[in-house]
Amino acid sequence: AGVKYLILGAVSSAFMIYGIALVFGVAGSLQFDDLHAQQSELIQSKVFLFGMLFLFAGLAFKISAFPFQVWAPDVYQGAPTPTTAFLAVGSKAAGFVLLIRLLVAAVPEVTAEWTSVLLVISALTILYGNLCALPQRNLKRLLAYSGIANAGYLLMGIVAQSEEGTVAILYYLAGYLFTVMAAFMIINLLTKEGEGEDISCLSGLSKRSPFLAFAMTLAAVSLAGIPPLAGFFGKFLLVKSVATEAFGNTYFFVLLAVAVFGVVVSIYYYFGIVRTIFWGRRKADEPTPTPVTIGLTVRIVLGCCVAAMLYLGLLPNKPVKWAETAAKVEAASK
């Protein structure tokens, strides 16, 4: 996993650096406001477009979007759980913030030209992530494919090319942060207890630790996009941002159909986690499970994650306003 990440990461970084060089060679500047002011002339240059394409390829690797996602499952499974959690949230959030700055704020005319390409990449990322997650038994590998699918959903906000899309991305990332951190914290806690990372390690968790079972269930339900949790409202905002722009473009409706199909598929494997927690049976030769000990710090952090998932889902008004303020600041910077 380390070698794969090293090699593919180096290649993606090389793409980004080469893209930056091409953009600078044509535009004479790397400032976003300068690129925005010159975009009408720059879009006529094939060298500039190649530079932007290389930049997007490098960022697509960071967010694990199709077809640059092949590193994610092996790295998620092979890395220590805290490192995996950081990669799942940190690198994805940073990648999407830069995509917003670059494609939505700096060169929206280029993004408009690439609408079909971005739409196809978003749809394929959603399908690939959800369909490949179905047969997974390793929890971290399952969350890796889930992360790929979520990158596809987030790309819908870029496809929308609107302030609503930017707001949806920021809101979704906030909910995704607390949901994924809760899931990986529980996995890390169980593997510290000597368990493997197979989904069967969750068997009987409802009896071993009702609090962990409740938190993991909420995380799975939120990731599946079931109300009234953060994941549902985040997906709703992303779908709404695309639906607003869909009339007059049939392909947008195709993307919406793919997104709904992806949500339906994800319900199956996420609820496989819930089924294992409450109704899973351990093998006869396995030792009797012992209660899971939870430290005070872990209880507080998990409690904050659970509270955030419920707050973002049940009372989304203030968080949405915060995201709108951030999106307006970004738009004003153009």
C-alpha atoms as a PDB file:
ATOM      1  CA  ALA A   1       0.000   0.000   0.000  1.00  0.00           C
ATOM      2  CA  GLY A   2       2.852   2.367   0.869  1.00  0.00           C
ATOM      3  CA  VAL A   3       4.684   1.728  -2.401  1.00  0.00           C
ATOM      4  CA  LYS A   4       1.470   2.191  -4.399  1.00  0.00           C
ATOM      5  CA  TYR A   5       0.734   5.488  -2.651  1.00  0.00           C
ATOM      6  CA  LEU A   6       4.339   6.664  -3.079  1.00  0.00           C
ATOM      7  CA  ILE A   7       4.463   5.936  -6.810  1.00  0.00           C
ATOM      8  CA  LEU A   8       0.967   7.169  -7.686  1.00  0.00           C
ATOM      9  CA  GLY A   9       1.331  10.167  -5.376  1.00  0.00           C
ATOM     10  CA  ALA A  10       4.607  11.125  -7.058  1.00  0.00           C
ATOM     11  CA  VAL A  11       3.018  10.821 -10.503  1.00  0.00           C
ATOM     12  CA  SER A  12       0.010  12.942  -9.467  1.00  0.00           C
ATOM     13  CA  SER A  13       2.306  15.570  -7.945  1.00  0.00           C
ATOM     14  CA  ALA A  14       4.308  15.627 -11.181  1.00  0.00           C
ATOM     15  CA  PHE A  15       1.069  16.191 -13.136  1.00  0.00           C
ATOM     16  CA  MET A  16       0.169  19.089 -10.833  1.00  0.00           C
ATOM     17  CA  ILE A  17       3.595  20.730 -11.056  1.00  0.00           C
ATOM     18  CA  TYR A  18       3.681  20.373 -14.832  1.00  0.00           C
ATOM     19  CA  GLY A  19       0.147  21.786 -15.033  1.00  0.00           C
ATOM     20  CA  ILE A  20       1.146  24.750 -12.846  1.00  0.00           C
ATOM     21  CA  ALA A  21       4.144  25.381 -15.133  1.00  0.00           C
ATOM     22  CA  LEU A  22       1.941  25.372 -18.248  1.00  0.00           C
ATOM     23  CA  VAL A  23      -0.617  27.694 -16.634  1.00  0.00           C
ATOM     24  CA  PHE A  24       2.115  30.109 -15.543  1.00  0.00           C
ATOM     25  CA  GLY A  25       3.756  29.970 -18.968  1.00  0.00           C
ATOM     26  CA  VAL A  26       0.560  31.124 -20.666  1.00  0.00           C
ATOM     27  CA  ALA A  27      -0.999  33.395 -18.031  1.00  0.00           C
ATOM     28  CA  GLY A  28       2.198  34.856 -16.585  1.00  0.00           C
ATOM     29  CA  SER A  29       0.677  34.609 -13.105  1.00  0.00           C
ATOM     30  CA  LEU A  30      -0.576  32.034 -10.623  1.00  0.00           C
ATOM     31  CA  GLN A  31      -2.888  34.423  -8.749  1.00  0.00           C
ATOM     32  CA  PHE A  32      -6.515  33.293  -8.887  1.00  0.00           C
ATOM     33  CA  ASP A  33      -7.797  36.830  -9.472  1.00  0.00           C
ATOM     34  CA  ASP A  34      -5.388  37.285 -12.406  1.00  0.00           C
ATOM     35  CA  LEU A  35      -6.532  33.997 -13.941  1.00  0.00           C
ATOM     36  CA  HIS A  36     -10.153  35.049 -13.493  1.00  0.00           C
ATOM     37  CA  ALA A  37      -9.523  38.399 -15.216  1.00  0.00           C
ATOM     38  CA  GLN A  38      -7.789  36.722 -18.192  1.00  0.00           C
ATOM     39  CA  GLN A  39      -9.951  33.605 -18.506  1.00  0.00           C
ATOM     40  CA  SER A  40     -11.714  34.699 -21.717  1.00  0.00           C
ATOM     41  CA  GLU A  41      -8.343  34.903 -23.524  1.00  0.00           C
ATOM     42  CA  LEU A  42      -6.756  31.952 -21.703  1.00  0.00           C
ATOM     43  CA  ILE A  43      -9.547  29.585 -22.662  1.00  0.00           C
ATOM     44  CA  GLN A  44      -8.469  29.975 -26.299  1.00  0.00           C
ATOM     45  CA  SER A  45      -5.033  28.514 -25.498  1.00  0.00           C
ATOM     46  CA  LYS A  46      -4.689  24.719 -25.731  1.00  0.00           C
ATOM     47  CA  VAL A  47      -1.531  24.879 -23.624  1.00  0.00           C
ATOM     48  CA  PHE A  48      -3.479  26.548 -20.801  1.00  0.00           C
ATOM     49  CA  LEU A  49      -6.267  23.961 -21.072  1.00  0.00           C
ATOM     50  CA  PHE A  50      -3.711  21.138 -20.919  1.00  0.00           C
ATOM     51  CA  GLY A  51      -2.246  22.772 -17.827  1.00  0.00           C
ATOM     52  CA  MET A  52      -5.663  22.931 -16.178  1.00  0.00           C
ATOM     53  CA  LEU A  53      -6.303  19.312 -17.150  1.00  0.00           C
ATOM     54  CA  PHE A  54      -3.043  18.201 -15.496  1.00  0.00           C
ATOM     55  CA  LEU A  55      -3.941  20.227 -12.411  1.00  0.00           C
ATOM     56  CA  PHE A  56      -7.350  18.564 -12.229  1.00  0.00           C
ATOM     57  CA  ALA A  57      -5.756  15.119 -12.629  1.00  0.00           C
ATOM     58  CA  GLY A  58      -3.486  15.772  -9.659  1.00  0.00           C
ATOM     59  CA  LEU A  59      -6.370  16.968  -7.512  1.00  0.00           C
ATOM     60  CA  ALA A  60      -8.556  14.039  -8.621  1.00  0.00           C
ATOM     61  CA  PHE A  61      -5.907  11.750  -7.124  1.00  0.00           C
ATOM     62  CA  LYS A  62      -6.109  13.616  -3.803  1.00  0.00           C
ATOM     63  CA  ILE A  63      -9.896  13.267  -3.615  1.00  0.00           C
ATOM     64  CA  SER A  64      -9.785   9.684  -5.011  1.00  0.00           C
ATOM     65  CA  ALA A  65     -12.066  10.388  -7.968  1.00  0.00           C
ATOM     66  CA  PHE A  66     -12.386   7.995 -10.926  1.00  0.00           C
ATOM     67  CA  PRO A  67     -10.075   7.063 -12.692  1.00  0.00           C
ATOM     68  CA  PHE A  68      -7.426   8.124 -10.135  1.00  0.00           C
ATOM     69  CA  GLN A  69      -8.895   6.191  -7.211  1.00  0.00           C
ATOM     70  CA  VAL A  70      -6.982   2.901  -7.417  1.00  0.00           C
ATOM     71  CA  TRP A  71      -4.705   3.770  -4.479  1.00  0.00           C
ATOM     72  CA  ALA A  72      -7.479   4.321  -1.945  1.00  0.00           C
ATOM     73  CA  PRO A  73      -8.650   0.778  -0.983  1.00  0.00           C
ATOM     74  CA  ASP A  74      -5.145  -0.651  -0.442  1.00  0.00           C
ATOM     75  CA  VAL A  75      -3.865   2.435   1.388  1.00  0.00           C
ATOM     76  CA  TYR A  76      -6.936   2.651   3.633  1.00  0.00           C
ATOM     77  CA  GLN A  77      -6.572  -1.024   4.521  1.00  0.00           C
ATOM     78  CA  GLY A  78      -2.793  -1.012   4.932  1.00  0.00           C
ATOM     79  CA  ALA A  79      -2.316   2.230   6.863  1.00  0.00           C
ATOM     80  CA  PRO A  80      -2.796   2.568  10.651  1.00  0.00           C
ATOM     81  CA  THR A  81      -6.396   3.515  11.427  1.00  0.00           C
ATOM     82  CA  PRO A  82      -5.632   7.097  12.652  1.00  0.00           C
ATOM     83  CA  THR A  83      -3.647   7.737   9.455  1.00  0.00           C
ATOM     84  CA  THR A  84      -6.485   6.339   7.377  1.00  0.00           C
ATOM     85  CA  ALA A  85      -8.949   8.650   9.128  1.00  0.00           C
ATOM     86  CA  PHE A  86      -6.751  11.656   8.333  1.00  0.00           C
ATOM     87  CA  LEU A  87      -6.479  10.646   4.667  1.00  0.00           C
ATOM     88  CA  ALA A  88     -10.230  10.052   4.463  1.00  0.00           C
ATOM     89  CA  VAL A  89     -11.094  13.533   5.723  1.00  0.00           C
ATOM     90  CA  GLY A  90      -8.069  15.842   5.463  1.00  0.00           C
ATOM     91  CA  SER A  91      -6.888  15.149   1.949  1.00  0.00           C
ATOM     92  CA  LYS A  92     -10.442  15.044   0.560  1.00  0.00           C
ATOM     93  CA  ALA A  93     -11.434  18.339   2.203  1.00  0.00           C
ATOM     94  CA  ALA A  94      -8.251  20.107   1.071  1.00  0.00           C
ATOM     95  CA  GLY A  95      -8.664  18.780  -2.481  1.00  0.00           C
ATOM     96  CA  PHE A  96     -12.256  19.984  -2.776  1.00  0.00           C
ATOM     97  CA  VAL A  97     -11.526  23.405  -1.294  1.00  0.00           C
ATOM     98  CA  LEU A  98      -8.823  23.873  -3.932  1.00  0.00           C
ATOM     99  CA  LEU A  99     -11.178  22.612  -6.660  1.00  0.00           C
ATOM    100  CA  ILE A 100     -13.723  25.228  -5.575  1.00  0.00           C
ATOM    101  CA  ARG A 101     -11.087  27.974  -5.621  1.00  0.00           C
ATOM    102  CA  LEU A 102      -9.784  26.866  -9.012  1.00  0.00           C
ATOM    103  CA  LEU A 103     -12.764  25.659 -11.046  1.00  0.00           C
ATOM    104  CA  VAL A 104     -15.639  27.646  -9.526  1.00  0.00           C
ATOM    105  CA  ALA A 105     -13.980  30.920  -8.519  1.00  0.00           C
ATOM    106  CA  ALA A 106     -10.886  31.357 -10.725  1.00  0.00           C
ATOM    107  CA  VAL A 107     -11.846  29.944 -14.134  1.00  0.00           C
ATOM    108  CA  PRO A 108     -15.609  29.257 -14.271  1.00  0.00           C
ATOM    109  CA  GLU A 109     -15.591  29.552 -18.079  1.00  0.00           C
ATOM    110  CA  VAL A 110     -13.210  26.575 -18.299  1.00  0.00           C
ATOM    111  CA  THR A 111     -15.476  24.633 -15.928  1.00  0.00           C
ATOM    112  CA  ALA A 112     -18.471  25.436 -18.134  1.00  0.00           C
ATOM    113  CA  GLU A 113     -16.587  24.009 -21.136  1.00  0.00           C
ATOM    114  CA  TRP A 114     -15.768  20.875 -19.138  1.00  0.00           C
ATOM    115  CA  THR A 115     -19.275  20.296 -17.777  1.00  0.00           C
ATOM    116  CA  SER A 116     -19.762  17.028 -19.675  1.00  0.00           C
ATOM    117  CA  VAL A 117     -16.378  15.648 -18.587  1.00  0.00           C
ATOM    118  CA  LEU A 118     -16.949  16.548 -14.933  1.00  0.00           C
ATOM    119  CA  LEU A 119     -20.450  15.083 -15.091  1.00  0.00           C
ATOM    120  CA  VAL A 120     -19.150  11.757 -16.436  1.00  0.00           C
ATOM    121  CA  ILE A 121     -16.345  11.613 -13.851  1.00  0.00           C
ATOM    122  CA  SER A 122     -18.837  12.317 -11.039  1.00  0.00           C
ATOM    123  CA  ALA A 123     -21.244   9.607 -12.230  1.00  0.00           C
ATOM    124  CA  LEU A 124     -18.499   6.987 -12.740  1.00  0.00           C
ATOM    125  CA  THR A 125     -16.995   7.770  -9.324  1.00  0.00           C
ATOM    126  CA  ILE A 126     -20.369   7.265  -7.634  1.00  0.00           C
ATOM    127  CA  LEU A 127     -21.002   3.985  -9.466  1.00  0.00           C
ATOM    128  CA  TYR A 128     -17.500   2.611  -8.963  1.00  0.00           C
ATOM    129  CA  GLY A 129     -17.389   3.390  -5.251  1.00  0.00           C
ATOM    130  CA  ASN A 130     -20.820   2.013  -4.406  1.00  0.00           C
ATOM    131  CA  LEU A 131     -20.698  -1.123  -6.548  1.00  0.00           C
ATOM    132  CA  CYS A 132     -17.194  -2.091  -5.397  1.00  0.00           C
ATOM    133  CA  ALA A 133     -18.202  -1.616  -1.752  1.00  0.00           C
ATOM    134  CA  LEU A 134     -20.908  -4.290  -1.984  1.00  0.00           C
ATOM    135  CA  PRO A 135     -18.700  -7.408  -1.596  1.00  0.00           C
ATOM    136  CA  GLN A 136     -16.243  -5.925   0.929  1.00  0.00           C
ATOM    137  CA  ARG A 137     -15.707  -7.600   4.307  1.00  0.00           C
ATOM    138  CA  ASN A 138     -12.849  -5.444   5.585  1.00  0.00           C
ATOM    139  CA  LEU A 139     -14.305  -2.374   7.297  1.00  0.00           C
ATOM    140  CA  LYS A 140     -11.521   0.013   6.292  1.00  0.00           C
ATOM    141  CA  ARG A 141     -11.631  -1.193   2.698  1.00  0.00           C
ATOM    142  CA  LEU A 142     -15.413  -0.752   2.684  1.00  0.00           C
ATOM    143  CA  LEU A 143     -14.990   2.815   3.952  1.00  0.00           C
ATOM    144  CA  ALA A 144     -12.392   3.412   1.233  1.00  0.00           C
ATOM    145  CA  TYR A 145     -14.890   2.574  -1.495  1.00  0.00           C
ATOM    146  CA  SER A 146     -17.483   4.598   0.400  1.00  0.00           C
ATOM    147  CA  GLY A 147     -15.033   7.520   0.342  1.00  0.00           C
ATOM    148  CA  ILE A 148     -14.675   7.164  -3.431  1.00  0.00           C
ATOM    149  CA  ALA A 149     -18.459   7.261  -3.812  1.00  0.00           C
ATOM    150  CA  ASN A 150     -18.642  10.327  -1.574  1.00  0.00           C
ATOM    151  CA  ALA A 151     -16.058  12.061  -3.768  1.00  0.00           C
ATOM    152  CA  GLY A 152     -18.463  11.476  -6.652  1.00  0.00           C
ATOM    153  CA  TYR A 153     -21.333  13.053  -4.718  1.00  0.00           C
ATOM    154  CA  LEU A 154     -19.152  16.048  -3.815  1.00  0.00           C
ATOM    155  CA  LEU A 155     -18.185  16.488  -7.469  1.00  0.00           C
ATOM    156  CA  MET A 156     -21.869  17.116  -8.150  1.00  0.00           C
ATOM    157  CA  GLY A 157     -21.394  20.455  -6.389  1.00  0.00           C
ATOM    158  CA  ILE A 158     -18.596  21.325  -8.824  1.00  0.00           C
ATOM    159  CA  VAL A 159     -20.751  20.209 -11.772  1.00  0.00           C
ATOM    160  CA  ALA A 160     -23.531  22.558 -10.616  1.00  0.00           C
ATOM    161  CA  GLN A 161     -21.138  25.549 -10.980  1.00  0.00           C
ATOM    162  CA  SER A 162     -23.210  27.685  -8.644  1.00  0.00           C
ATOM    163  CA  GLU A 163     -23.132  29.177  -5.183  1.00  0.00           C
ATOM    164  CA  GLU A 164     -25.630  26.496  -4.124  1.00  0.00           C
ATOM    165  CA  GLY A 165     -23.152  23.840  -5.230  1.00  0.00           C
ATOM    166  CA  THR A 166     -20.352  25.424  -3.188  1.00  0.00           C
ATOM    167  CA  VAL A 167     -22.606  25.641  -0.118  1.00  0.00           C
ATOM    168  CA  ALA A 168     -23.576  21.981  -0.550  1.00  0.00           C
ATOM    169  CA  ILE A 169     -19.923  20.879  -0.756  1.00  0.00           C
ATOM    170  CA  LEU A 170     -18.938  22.804   2.391  1.00  0.00           C
ATOM    171  CA  TYR A 171     -21.939  21.519   4.341  1.00  0.00           C
ATOM    172  CA  TYR A 172     -21.397  17.937   3.186  1.00  0.00           C
ATOM    173  CA  LEU A 173     -17.701  18.054   4.152  1.00  0.00           C
ATOM    174  CA  ALA A 174     -18.649  19.207   7.671  1.00  0.00           C
ATOM    175  CA  GLY A 175     -21.049  16.299   8.145  1.00  0.00           C
ATOM    176  CA  TYR A 176     -18.622  13.859   6.530  1.00  0.00           C
ATOM    177  CA  LEU A 177     -15.878  14.908   8.965  1.00  0.00           C
ATOM    178  CA  PHE A 178     -17.811  13.964  12.098  1.00  0.00           C
ATOM    179  CA  THR A 179     -19.340  10.820  10.584  1.00  0.00           C
ATOM    180  CA  VAL A 180     -16.096   9.327   9.295  1.00  0.00           C
ATOM    181  CA  MET A 181     -14.129  10.265  12.409  1.00  0.00           C
ATOM    182  CA  ALA A 182     -16.693   8.468  14.575  1.00  0.00           C
ATOM    183  CA  ALA A 183     -16.542   5.347  12.391  1.00  0.00           C
ATOM    184  CA  PHE A 184     -12.742   5.166  12.312  1.00  0.00           C
ATOM    185  CA  MET A 185     -12.470   5.875  16.039  1.00  0.00           C
ATOM    186  CA  ILE A 186     -14.708   2.893  16.787  1.00  0.00           C
ATOM    187  CA  ILE A 187     -12.780   0.667  14.362  1.00  0.00           C
ATOM    188  CA  ASN A 188      -9.512   1.736  15.998  1.00  0.00           C
ATOM    189  CA  LEU A 189     -10.923   1.005  19.444  1.00  0.00           C
ATOM    190  CA  LEU A 190     -12.084  -2.480  18.470  1.00  0.00           C
ATOM    191  CA  THR A 191      -8.847  -3.402  16.714  1.00  0.00           C
ATOM    192  CA  LYS A 192      -6.937  -2.300  19.804  1.00  0.00           C
ATOM    193  CA  GLU A 193      -8.968  -4.893  21.658  1.00  0.00           C
ATOM    194  CA  GLY A 194      -7.254  -7.552  19.530  1.00  0.00           C
ATOM    195  CA  GLU A 195      -9.969  -7.853  16.923  1.00  0.00           C
ATOM    196  CA  GLY A 196      -9.408  -7.996  13.181  1.00  0.00           C
ATOM    197  CA  GLU A 197     -10.756  -5.425  10.768  1.00  0.00           C
ATOM    198  CA  ASP A 198     -13.296  -7.843   9.280  1.00  0.00           C
ATOM    199  CA  ILE A 199     -16.877  -6.685   9.591  1.00  0.00           C
ATOM    200  CA  SER A 200     -17.484  -9.606  11.972  1.00  0.00           C
ATOM    201  CA  CYS A 201     -15.555  -7.682  14.655  1.00  0.00           C
ATOM    202  CA  LEU A 202     -18.766  -5.680  15.102  1.00  0.00           C
ATOM    203  CA  SER A 203     -20.796  -8.788  15.965  1.00  0.00           C
ATOM    204  CA  GLY A 204     -22.415  -8.443  19.358  1.00  0.00           C
ATOM    205  CA  LEU A 205     -21.265  -4.845  19.745  1.00  0.00           C
ATOM    206  CA  SER A 206     -24.751  -3.884  20.915  1.00  0.00           C
ATOM    207  CA  LYS A 207     -24.192  -6.072  23.997  1.00  0.00           C
ATOM    208  CA  ARG A 208     -20.489  -5.342  24.462  1.00  0.00           C
ATOM    209  CA  SER A 209     -20.949  -1.561  24.344  1.00  0.00           C
ATOM    210  CA  PRO A 210     -24.388  -0.056  23.634  1.00  0.00           C
ATOM    211  CA  PHE A 211     -22.812   3.408  23.310  1.00  0.00           C
ATOM    212  CA  LEU A 212     -20.369   2.304  20.586  1.00  0.00           C
ATOM    213  CA  ALA A 213     -23.162   0.388  18.848  1.00  0.00           C
ATOM    214  CA  PHE A 214     -25.341   3.518  18.870  1.00  0.00           C
ATOM    215  CA  ALA A 215     -22.529   5.749  17.558  1.00  0.00           C
ATOM    216  CA  MET A 216     -21.523   3.299  14.799  1.00  0.00           C
ATOM    217  CA  THR A 217     -25.154   2.866  13.764  1.00  0.00           C
ATOM    218  CA  LEU A 218     -25.603   6.633  13.480  1.00  0.00           C
ATOM    219  CA  ALA A 219     -22.400   6.882  11.424  1.00  0.00           C
ATOM    220  CA  ALA A 220     -23.548   4.144   9.027  1.00  0.00           C
ATOM    221  CA  VAL A 221     -27.050   5.632   8.704  1.00  0.00           C
ATOM    222  CA  SER A 222     -25.609   9.110   8.092  1.00  0.00           C
ATOM    223  CA  LEU A 223     -23.219   7.825   5.417  1.00  0.00           C
ATOM    224  CA  ALA A 224     -26.146   6.033   3.783  1.00  0.00           C
ATOM    225  CA  GLY A 225     -27.986   9.351   3.508  1.00  0.00           C
ATOM    226  CA  ILE A 226     -30.956   8.439   5.683  1.00  0.00           C
ATOM    227  CA  PRO A 227     -32.814  11.263   7.499  1.00  0.00           C
ATOM    228  CA  PRO A 228     -32.600  12.926   9.917  1.00  0.00           C
ATOM    229  CA  LEU A 229     -28.796  12.852  10.060  1.00  0.00           C
ATOM    230  CA  ALA A 230     -26.092  15.057   8.501  1.00  0.00           C
ATOM    231  CA  GLY A 231     -25.448  12.759   5.533  1.00  0.00           C
ATOM    232  CA  PHE A 232     -29.037  13.001   4.334  1.00  0.00           C
ATOM    233  CA  PHE A 233     -29.184  16.790   4.304  1.00  0.00           C
ATOM    234  CA  GLY A 234     -25.745  17.001   2.697  1.00  0.00           C
ATOM    235  CA  LYS A 235     -26.779  14.714  -0.150  1.00  0.00           C
ATOM    236  CA  PHE A 236     -30.083  16.600  -0.443  1.00  0.00           C
ATOM    237  CA  LEU A 237     -28.247  19.914  -0.913  1.00  0.00           C
ATOM    238  CA  LEU A 238     -25.940  18.399  -3.548  1.00  0.00           C
ATOM    239  CA  VAL A 239     -28.852  16.865  -5.469  1.00  0.00           C
ATOM    240  CA  LYS A 240     -30.778  20.139  -5.191  1.00  0.00           C
ATOM    241  CA  SER A 241     -27.829  22.150  -6.561  1.00  0.00           C
ATOM    242  CA  VAL A 242     -27.676  19.919  -9.655  1.00  0.00           C
ATOM    243  CA  ALA A 243     -31.472  19.759 -10.056  1.00  0.00           C
ATOM    244  CA  THR A 244     -31.628  23.573 -10.070  1.00  0.00           C
ATOM    245  CA  GLU A 245     -29.326  23.654 -13.104  1.00  0.00           C
ATOM    246  CA  ALA A 246     -30.747  20.522 -14.761  1.00  0.00           C
ATOM    247  CA  PHE A 247     -33.580  21.964 -16.823  1.00  0.00           C
ATOM    248  CA  GLY A 248     -32.351  22.324 -20.367  1.00  0.00           C
ATOM    249  CA  ASN A 249     -29.621  19.694 -19.962  1.00  0.00           C
ATOM    250  CA  THR A 250     -30.712  16.043 -20.103  1.00  0.00           C
ATOM    251  CA  TYR A 251     -27.332  14.781 -18.880  1.00  0.00           C
ATOM    252  CA  PHE A 252     -27.867  16.475 -15.525  1.00  0.00           C
ATOM    253  CA  PHE A 253     -30.921  14.274 -15.027  1.00  0.00           C
ATOM    254  CA  VAL A 254     -28.786  11.227 -15.805  1.00  0.00           C
ATOM    255  CA  LEU A 255     -26.351  12.301 -13.075  1.00  0.00           C
ATOM    256  CA  LEU A 256     -29.253  12.738 -10.647  1.00  0.00           C
ATOM    257  CA  ALA A 257     -30.500   9.229 -11.494  1.00  0.00           C
ATOM    258  CA  VAL A 258     -27.005   7.794 -10.910  1.00  0.00           C
ATOM    259  CA  ALA A 259     -26.802   9.613  -7.558  1.00  0.00           C
ATOM    260  CA  VAL A 260     -30.162   8.189  -6.420  1.00  0.00           C
ATOM    261  CA  PHE A 261     -29.128   4.714  -7.585  1.00  0.00           C
ATOM    262  CA  GLY A 262     -25.873   5.073  -5.646  1.00  0.00           C
ATOM    263  CA  VAL A 263     -27.760   6.004  -2.468  1.00  0.00           C
ATOM    264  CA  VAL A 264     -29.996   2.923  -2.835  1.00  0.00           C
ATOM    265  CA  VAL A 265     -26.980   0.646  -3.329  1.00  0.00           C
ATOM    266  CA  SER A 266     -25.136   2.195  -0.381  1.00  0.00           C
ATOM    267  CA  ILE A 267     -28.088   1.512   1.927  1.00  0.00           C
ATOM    268  CA  TYR A 268     -27.498  -2.198   1.376  1.00  0.00           C
ATOM    269  CA  TYR A 269     -23.874  -2.318   2.513  1.00  0.00           C
ATOM    270  CA  TYR A 270     -24.203   0.304   5.241  1.00  0.00           C
ATOM    271  CA  PHE A 271     -27.119  -1.550   6.759  1.00  0.00           C
ATOM    272  CA  GLY A 272     -24.979  -4.692   6.562  1.00  0.00           C
ATOM    273  CA  ILE A 273     -22.897  -2.969   9.238  1.00  0.00           C
ATOM    274  CA  VAL A 274     -26.013  -2.255  11.318  1.00  0.00           C
ATOM    275  CA  ARG A 275     -27.205  -5.835  10.916  1.00  0.00           C
ATOM    276  CA  THR A 276     -23.854  -7.157  12.103  1.00  0.00           C
ATOM    277  CA  ILE A 277     -23.859  -4.853  15.156  1.00  0.00           C
ATOM    278  CA  PHE A 278     -27.272  -5.966  16.411  1.00  0.00           C
ATOM    279  CA  TRP A 279     -27.873  -9.391  14.874  1.00  0.00           C
ATOM    280  CA  GLY A 280     -24.456 -10.688  13.824  1.00  0.00           C
ATOM    281  CA  ARG A 281     -23.405 -14.135  15.025  1.00  0.00           C
ATOM    282  CA  ARG A 282     -19.834 -15.076  15.838  1.00  0.00           C
ATOM    283  CA  LYS A 283     -18.313 -18.382  14.753  1.00  0.00           C
ATOM    284  CA  ALA A 284     -18.420 -21.294  17.186  1.00  0.00           C
ATOM    285  CA  ASP A 285     -14.630 -21.467  17.518  1.00  0.00           C
ATOM    286  CA  GLU A 286     -14.269 -17.769  18.349  1.00  0.00           C
ATOM    287  CA  PRO A 287     -13.784 -16.739  22.002  1.00  0.00           C
ATOM    288  CA  THR A 288     -16.640 -15.177  23.938  1.00  0.00           C
ATOM    289  CA  PRO A 289     -16.614 -11.421  23.346  1.00  0.00           C
ATOM    290  CA  THR A 290     -15.746  -9.213  26.302  1.00  0.00           C
ATOM    291  CA  PRO A 291     -17.190  -5.768  27.081  1.00  0.00           C
ATOM    292  CA  VAL A 292     -15.336  -2.921  25.394  1.00  0.00           C
ATOM    293  CA  THR A 293     -13.658  -0.451  27.739  1.00  0.00           C
ATOM    294  CA  ILE A 294     -14.036   3.177  26.669  1.00  0.00           C
ATOM    295  CA  GLY A 295     -11.933   5.967  28.148  1.00  0.00           C
ATOM    296  CA  LEU A 296     -13.422   9.317  29.120  1.00  0.00           C
ATOM    297  CA  THR A 297     -11.648  11.188  26.306  1.00  0.00           C
ATOM    298  CA  VAL A 298     -12.977   8.772  23.685  1.00  0.00           C
ATOM    299  CA  ARG A 299     -16.488   9.073  25.121  1.00  0.00           C
ATOM    300  CA  ILE A 300     -16.332  12.870  24.911  1.00  0.00           C
ATOM    301  CA  VAL A 301     -15.022  12.908  21.323  1.00  0.00           C
ATOM    302  CA  LEU A 302     -17.519  10.300  20.147  1.00  0.00           C
ATOM    303  CA  GLY A 303     -20.287  12.170  21.960  1.00  0.00           C
ATOM    304  CA  CYS A 304     -19.313  15.353  20.085  1.00  0.00           C
ATOM    305  CA  CYS A 305     -19.372  13.468  16.764  1.00  0.00           C
ATOM    306  CA  VAL A 306     -22.819  12.014  17.521  1.00  0.00           C
ATOM    307  CA  ALA A 307     -24.126  15.432  18.598  1.00  0.00           C
ATOM    308  CA  ALA A 308     -22.734  17.038  15.421  1.00  0.00           C
ATOM    309  CA  MET A 309     -24.346  14.396  13.179  1.00  0.00           C
ATOM    310  CA  LEU A 310     -27.721  15.005  14.842  1.00  0.00           C
ATOM    311  CA  TYR A 311     -27.332  18.796  14.932  1.00  0.00           C
ATOM    312  CA  LEU A 312     -26.359  19.085  11.257  1.00  0.00           C
ATOM    313  CA  GLY A 313     -29.266  16.847  10.270  1.00  0.00           C
ATOM    314  CA  LEU A 314     -31.990  18.197  12.557  1.00  0.00           C
ATOM    315  CA  LEU A 315     -31.042  21.888  12.753  1.00  0.00           C
ATOM    316  CA  PRO A 316     -29.269  22.689   9.493  1.00  0.00           C
ATOM    317  CA  ASN A 317     -30.233  26.372   9.253  1.00  0.00           C
ATOM    318  CA  LYS A 318     -27.223  27.903  10.998  1.00  0.00           C
ATOM    319  CA  PRO A 319     -24.608  25.587   9.414  1.00  0.00           C
ATOM    320  CA  VAL A 320     -26.103  26.299   5.984  1.00  0.00           C
ATOM    321  CA  LYS A 321     -25.885  30.045   6.675  1.00  0.00           C
ATOM    322  CA  TRP A 322     -22.224  29.635   7.670  1.00  0.00           C
ATOM    323  CA  ALA A 323     -21.575  27.766   4.432  1.00  0.00           C
ATOM    324  CA  GLU A 324     -23.428  30.458   2.468  1.00  0.00           C
ATOM    325  CA  THR A 325     -21.278  33.151   4.088  1.00  0.00           C
ATOM    326  CA  ALA A 326     -18.115  31.258   3.137  1.00  0.00           C
ATOM    327  CA  ALA A 327     -19.393  30.791  -0.426  1.00  0.00           C
ATOM    328  CA  LYS A 328     -20.221  34.503  -0.737  1.00  0.00           C
ATOM    329  CA  VAL A 329     -16.745  35.467   0.512  1.00  0.00           C
ATOM    330  CA  GLU A 330     -15.270  33.127  -2.105  1.00  0.00           C
ATOM    331  CA  ALA A 331     -17.480  34.640  -4.820  1.00  0.00           C
ATOM    332  CA  ALA A 332     -16.535  38.176  -3.741  1.00  0.00           C
ATOM    333  CA  SER A 333     -12.828  37.290  -3.991  1.00  0.00           C
ATOM    334  CA  LYS A 334     -13.301  36.841  -7.745  1.00  0.00           C
END
